[in-house]
Amino acid sequence: MSPVLVEDAKRVRRALADARDQSAVVLSREALERIAQWLDAETQGQKVVITEGLREVTPTDAAAMLGMSRTQVRKLMDEGKLPFRMVGTHHRIRVDAINAWLKIEDARQEAAMAELMALQNELGLFE
């Protein structure tokens, strides 16, 4: 975490310690952008997952991170496309595995789009 964000976090904690309903806090642009992103997601009904140093999440949290249903996440797990481990009877998915899957999926989609565009050009369907 950047030193600026560390100081921002300290200022927010101090303001919260005052136990008032409202507080004014000066924050860096970086912190404000993160807060705005979180608030935008919340207002659009999206689930926000904060791992707080955890390196593993539940399938439900993974679904929120991937923007898909829990059933789709379980299918990826069952197909071996999204590695997981069992903790007792509970599934846990590493956050870095989710990020790796997203990278692979983005690359796959870009390649498919390039192939589609080349085919359209070849057929004269694209101006």
Protein backbone atom coordinates (compact mmCIF):
# COMPACT_ATOMS: atom_id res chain seq x y z
CA MET A 1 0.00 0.00 0.00
CA SER A 2 1.27 3.46 -0.83
CA PRO A 3 2.36 5.76 2.02
CA VAL A 4 -0.34 8.24 0.94
CA LEU A 5 -3.07 5.63 1.45
CA VAL A 6 -1.60 4.67 4.82
CA GLU A 7 -1.91 8.30 5.96
CA ASP A 8 -5.44 8.51 4.50
CA ALA A 9 -6.44 5.41 6.46
CA LYS A 10 -5.06 6.93 9.67
CA ARG A 11 -7.04 10.15 9.10
CA VAL A 12 -10.24 8.17 8.50
CA ARG A 13 -9.70 6.08 11.65
CA ARG A 14 -9.13 9.23 13.73
CA ALA A 15 -12.33 10.78 12.35
CA LEU A 16 -14.29 7.60 13.11
CA ALA A 17 -12.92 7.56 16.65
CA ASP A 18 -14.72 10.89 17.29
CA ALA A 19 -18.02 8.96 17.18
CA ARG A 20 -19.91 11.71 15.37
CA ASP A 21 -22.52 11.03 12.71
CA GLN A 22 -20.55 13.11 10.19
CA SER A 23 -16.91 14.10 9.85
CA ALA A 24 -14.84 16.07 7.38
CA VAL A 25 -11.62 14.35 6.32
CA VAL A 26 -9.08 15.45 3.72
CA LEU A 27 -8.09 12.48 1.55
CA SER A 28 -5.78 11.99 -1.41
CA ARG A 29 -7.19 11.69 -4.91
CA GLU A 30 -6.17 8.00 -4.96
CA ALA A 31 -8.25 7.27 -1.86
CA LEU A 32 -11.20 9.27 -3.17
CA GLU A 33 -11.12 7.36 -6.47
CA ARG A 34 -11.20 4.04 -4.59
CA ILE A 35 -14.07 5.22 -2.41
CA ALA A 36 -15.98 6.49 -5.44
CA GLN A 37 -15.49 3.15 -7.21
CA TRP A 38 -16.79 1.28 -4.18
CA LEU A 39 -19.78 3.61 -3.77
CA ASP A 40 -20.62 3.40 -7.49
CA ALA A 41 -20.63 -0.40 -7.32
CA GLU A 42 -22.79 -0.41 -4.20
CA THR A 43 -25.34 2.01 -5.69
CA GLN A 44 -25.59 -0.19 -8.79
CA GLY A 45 -26.45 -3.17 -6.61
CA GLN A 46 -23.11 -4.89 -7.09
CA LYS A 47 -21.46 -6.82 -4.30
CA VAL A 48 -18.11 -5.44 -3.18
CA VAL A 49 -15.60 -7.97 -1.85
CA ILE A 50 -12.79 -6.71 0.37
CA THR A 51 -10.36 -9.48 1.22
CA GLU A 52 -8.48 -7.62 3.99
CA GLY A 53 -5.28 -9.53 3.36
CA LEU A 54 -7.11 -12.81 2.86
CA ARG A 55 -5.76 -14.65 -0.09
CA GLU A 56 -8.78 -16.94 -0.45
CA VAL A 57 -12.49 -16.32 -0.93
CA THR A 58 -15.66 -18.38 -1.01
CA PRO A 59 -17.32 -19.34 -4.32
CA THR A 60 -19.98 -16.70 -3.60
CA ASP A 61 -17.33 -13.99 -3.21
CA ALA A 62 -15.51 -15.29 -6.32
CA ALA A 63 -18.78 -15.00 -8.26
CA ALA A 64 -19.08 -11.36 -7.20
CA MET A 65 -15.48 -10.69 -8.22
CA LEU A 66 -15.97 -12.38 -11.60
CA GLY A 67 -19.38 -10.87 -12.28
CA MET A 68 -21.06 -14.23 -12.71
CA SER A 69 -23.30 -16.57 -10.77
CA ARG A 70 -22.08 -18.92 -8.06
CA THR A 71 -23.26 -21.80 -10.28
CA GLN A 72 -20.95 -20.62 -13.07
CA VAL A 73 -18.05 -20.42 -10.61
CA ARG A 74 -18.75 -23.98 -9.44
CA LYS A 75 -18.77 -25.11 -13.08
CA LEU A 76 -15.34 -23.51 -13.61
CA MET A 77 -14.13 -25.26 -10.46
CA ASP A 78 -15.55 -28.62 -11.56
CA GLU A 79 -13.93 -28.24 -15.01
CA GLY A 80 -10.55 -27.52 -13.39
CA LYS A 81 -10.43 -24.01 -14.86
CA LEU A 82 -10.52 -22.36 -11.44
CA PRO A 83 -8.36 -24.09 -8.83
CA PHE A 84 -9.64 -24.37 -5.28
CA ARG A 85 -9.00 -26.18 -2.03
CA MET A 86 -11.26 -27.65 0.59
CA VAL A 87 -11.31 -26.37 4.15
CA GLY A 88 -13.37 -29.04 5.85
CA THR A 89 -16.48 -29.12 3.68
CA HIS A 90 -16.02 -25.57 2.35
CA HIS A 91 -14.46 -24.53 -0.96
CA ARG A 92 -11.85 -21.78 -0.99
CA ILE A 93 -10.50 -20.08 -4.10
CA ARG A 94 -7.27 -18.11 -4.16
CA VAL A 95 -7.66 -14.49 -5.22
CA ASP A 96 -4.59 -14.80 -7.46
CA ALA A 97 -6.26 -17.77 -9.24
CA ILE A 98 -9.28 -15.57 -9.91
CA ASN A 99 -7.06 -12.81 -11.28
CA ALA A 100 -5.16 -15.33 -13.44
CA TRP A 101 -8.43 -16.70 -14.85
CA LEU A 102 -9.58 -13.16 -15.65
CA LYS A 103 -6.32 -12.48 -17.52
CA ILE A 104 -6.66 -15.68 -19.53
CA GLU A 105 -10.31 -14.97 -20.29
CA ASP A 106 -9.54 -11.40 -21.39
CA ALA A 107 -6.81 -12.68 -23.74
CA ARG A 108 -9.16 -15.36 -25.11
CA GLN A 109 -11.88 -12.79 -25.76
CA GLU A 110 -9.44 -10.41 -27.47
CA ALA A 111 -8.19 -13.21 -29.73
CA ALA A 112 -11.76 -14.23 -30.60
CA MET A 113 -12.68 -10.63 -31.39
CA ALA A 114 -9.60 -10.22 -33.62
CA GLU A 115 -10.48 -13.43 -35.43
CA LEU A 116 -14.08 -12.26 -35.92
CA MET A 117 -12.92 -8.90 -37.26
CA ALA A 118 -10.51 -10.59 -39.68
CA LEU A 119 -13.31 -12.85 -40.92
CA GLN A 120 -15.63 -9.86 -41.38
CA ASN A 121 -12.95 -8.05 -43.38
CA GLU A 122 -12.31 -11.14 -45.48
CA LEU A 123 -16.02 -11.47 -46.29
CA GLY A 124 -16.38 -7.75 -46.93
CA LEU A 125 -18.90 -7.33 -44.11
CA PHE A 126 -16.96 -4.66 -42.28
CA GLU A 127 -16.56 -1.16 -43.71
